[in-house]
Protein backbone atom coordinates (compact mmCIF):
# COMPACT_ATOMS: atom_id res chain seq x y z
CA UNK A 1 8.93 -12.27 2.65
CA UNK A 2 12.23 -11.26 4.96
CA UNK A 3 12.21 -8.27 3.86
CA UNK A 4 9.59 -5.22 2.33
CA UNK A 5 9.43 -1.76 1.58
CA UNK A 6 6.36 0.23 1.90
CA UNK A 7 6.14 3.67 0.23
CA UNK A 8 3.86 6.02 0.85
CA UNK A 9 2.91 8.58 -1.67
CA UNK A 10 0.56 11.67 -0.92
CA UNK A 11 -1.56 13.47 -3.85
CA UNK A 12 -3.45 16.69 -4.12
CA UNK A 13 -5.82 14.45 -6.42
CA UNK A 14 -7.45 15.28 -10.15
CA UNK A 15 -9.22 18.78 -8.55
CA UNK A 16 -7.34 20.05 -6.43
CA UNK A 17 -7.63 23.77 -8.62
CA UNK A 18 -10.72 23.63 -7.39
CA UNK A 19 -10.80 20.97 -4.54
CA UNK A 20 -7.45 20.91 -2.35
CA UNK A 21 -8.06 17.79 -0.61
CA UNK A 22 -5.00 15.82 -0.14
CA UNK A 23 -5.42 12.10 0.06
CA UNK A 24 -3.12 9.62 0.84
CA UNK A 25 -1.76 6.11 -0.06
CA UNK A 26 -0.15 3.16 0.74
CA UNK A 27 1.89 0.16 -0.84
CA UNK A 28 3.91 -2.25 0.18
CA UNK A 29 6.22 -4.08 -1.64
CA UNK A 30 9.18 -6.84 -1.35
CA UNK A 31 11.86 -6.29 -3.21
CA UNK A 32 15.08 -8.74 -3.67
CA UNK A 33 18.46 -6.57 -3.01
CA UNK A 34 19.80 -4.31 -5.70
CA UNK A 35 23.67 -4.77 -5.22
CA UNK A 36 25.99 -7.10 -4.85
CA UNK A 37 26.74 -6.62 -1.42
CA UNK A 38 29.86 -8.98 -1.50
CA UNK A 39 31.93 -7.81 -3.83
CA UNK A 40 30.99 -4.10 -4.72
CA UNK A 41 29.91 -2.21 -6.94
CA UNK A 42 31.46 -0.18 -9.96
CA UNK A 43 30.07 4.13 -9.65
CA UNK A 44 31.02 6.71 -12.68
CA UNK A 45 30.28 10.09 -12.32
CA UNK A 46 27.41 11.76 -13.74
CA UNK A 47 27.72 14.74 -16.37
CA UNK A 48 23.47 15.23 -14.92
CA UNK A 49 24.06 17.35 -12.16
CA UNK A 50 22.01 17.54 -8.32
CA UNK A 51 18.62 19.45 -8.56
CA UNK A 52 19.85 22.85 -5.97
CA UNK A 53 17.81 22.98 -3.14
CA UNK A 54 16.98 26.47 -4.88
CA UNK A 55 14.39 25.24 -7.21
CA UNK A 56 14.14 21.89 -6.09
CA UNK A 57 13.98 21.49 -2.21
CA UNK A 58 16.12 17.93 -1.70
CA UNK A 59 14.55 17.80 1.83
CA UNK A 60 11.09 17.06 0.45
CA UNK A 61 11.03 13.44 -0.95
CA UNK A 62 9.24 13.85 -3.86
CA UNK A 63 8.11 12.28 -7.40
CA UNK A 64 10.18 14.60 -9.21
CA UNK A 65 13.74 12.53 -9.49
CA UNK A 66 14.65 13.01 -13.54
CA UNK A 67 18.02 14.04 -12.77
CA UNK A 68 18.65 11.08 -10.74
CA UNK A 69 17.22 8.87 -13.90
CA UNK A 70 19.25 10.47 -16.35
CA UNK A 71 22.06 10.09 -14.15
CA UNK A 72 21.53 6.59 -13.93
CA UNK A 73 21.13 6.39 -17.37
CA UNK A 74 24.48 7.11 -17.44
CA UNK A 75 25.59 5.03 -15.47
CA UNK A 76 23.91 2.43 -17.21
CA UNK A 77 25.56 3.28 -20.58
CA UNK A 78 28.53 3.07 -19.29
CA UNK A 79 27.79 -0.41 -17.84
CA UNK A 80 28.59 0.82 -13.61
CA UNK A 81 25.85 0.02 -11.16
CA UNK A 82 25.31 3.71 -9.94
CA UNK A 83 26.51 7.07 -10.95
CA UNK A 84 27.43 9.39 -8.74
CA UNK A 85 26.08 12.97 -8.57
CA UNK A 86 27.67 16.69 -8.11
CA UNK A 87 26.24 19.77 -6.80
CA UNK A 88 26.24 22.44 -8.88
CA UNK A 89 29.56 23.30 -7.49
CA UNK A 90 31.06 20.38 -8.33
CA UNK A 91 30.90 18.60 -4.80
CA UNK A 92 29.89 14.95 -4.30
CA UNK A 93 26.05 15.04 -3.07
CA UNK A 94 24.67 11.44 -3.34
CA UNK A 95 24.38 8.75 -6.04
CA UNK A 96 21.90 8.02 -8.38
CA UNK A 97 20.07 5.95 -5.91
CA UNK A 98 21.21 6.43 -2.39
CA UNK A 99 23.68 8.09 0.05
CA UNK A 100 26.97 7.62 0.01
CA UNK A 101 29.39 7.42 2.65
CA UNK A 102 33.58 7.49 2.22
CA UNK A 103 36.53 6.20 4.72
CA UNK A 104 39.17 8.44 4.99
CA UNK A 105 41.95 7.34 7.66
CA UNK A 106 39.88 6.25 9.68
CA UNK A 107 37.38 8.61 9.59
CA UNK A 108 33.84 8.80 7.67
CA UNK A 109 32.52 11.54 5.82
CA UNK A 110 29.71 12.56 4.27
CA UNK A 111 28.58 14.94 2.03
CA UNK A 112 26.55 18.01 4.13
CA UNK A 113 22.11 17.61 3.05
CA UNK A 114 21.90 20.58 1.00
CA UNK A 115 21.65 18.09 -2.06
CA UNK A 116 20.57 15.51 -0.93
CA UNK A 117 17.95 13.67 0.65
CA UNK A 118 18.61 13.37 5.03
CA UNK A 119 16.44 10.41 5.07
CA UNK A 120 16.28 7.68 7.70
CA UNK A 121 18.29 5.53 6.59
CA UNK A 122 21.07 8.22 6.53
CA UNK A 123 20.43 9.66 9.78
CA UNK A 124 20.65 5.99 10.78
CA UNK A 125 24.24 5.34 9.62
CA UNK A 126 25.50 8.74 11.21
CA UNK A 127 23.94 7.28 14.89
CA UNK A 128 25.83 3.93 14.25
CA UNK A 129 28.70 5.53 12.62
CA UNK A 130 28.94 7.79 16.44
CA UNK A 131 27.93 4.94 18.40
CA UNK A 132 30.63 2.98 17.72
CA UNK A 133 33.04 5.62 17.96
CA UNK A 134 34.15 7.11 15.02
CA UNK A 135 34.70 10.17 13.82
CA UNK A 136 32.14 11.84 11.81
CA UNK A 137 32.38 14.93 9.49
CA UNK A 138 29.63 16.07 7.15
CA UNK A 139 31.22 18.14 5.16
CA UNK A 140 32.09 19.13 1.02
CA UNK A 141 33.45 16.05 -0.60
CA UNK A 142 35.37 16.40 -3.22
CA UNK A 143 35.44 13.75 -6.09
CA UNK A 144 39.35 13.13 -5.45
CA UNK A 145 38.74 12.27 -2.40
CA UNK A 146 35.98 9.33 -3.45
CA UNK A 147 38.94 8.20 -5.64
CA UNK A 148 41.81 8.13 -3.15
CA UNK A 149 38.80 6.90 -0.31
CA UNK A 150 40.34 3.92 1.61
CA UNK A 151 36.23 2.89 1.17
CA UNK A 152 33.30 4.45 -0.19
CA UNK A 153 29.33 3.05 1.08
CA UNK A 154 26.36 4.08 -0.07
C-alpha cells in the first residue's frame, strides 16, 4: 500500500440523550487517486451553494455534506469531474470535494476559509506557497477570476 487514508469519526452514541458519552472510531483505508493529475480535470459551477457558516460552520469537519453531494451530482450530470461551489454572495468557496487555489500573474489566490474547511492540506499548500516565495493572497475570488486564471488547482 503506497498511500492510505485514516478517517476519524466521533459519535455520541445511540443513547446520546440519556448517556452523553462520546466514543471514537478510526477507519484506515486505501484509496486510489481520484483525478487524472497528468491532463487536468473538468470543473463546472454548481448552482448549489456552500453552506453558510451562520448555519453550519465550515471549520467543523462533520459528516453533513449534503450540499457538497448535490454539487457533485450537478458535476456528474454535466460530465465534469467536480463542481465549483460559491458562497451566498456568489464568490468561490471550494469545489465539492477540495479546497481551490488559482494562479494569476504569478500570485497564488485562495478563498478565505469562511465557507470551506481550513484543513491540514490547505494549510500545507499555503505554507509551501510562502516557503517557495510566491505571493499568497487569501481573499474573496470571483468566478470570472477563475475563468481567466493562468492555473487552477484543487
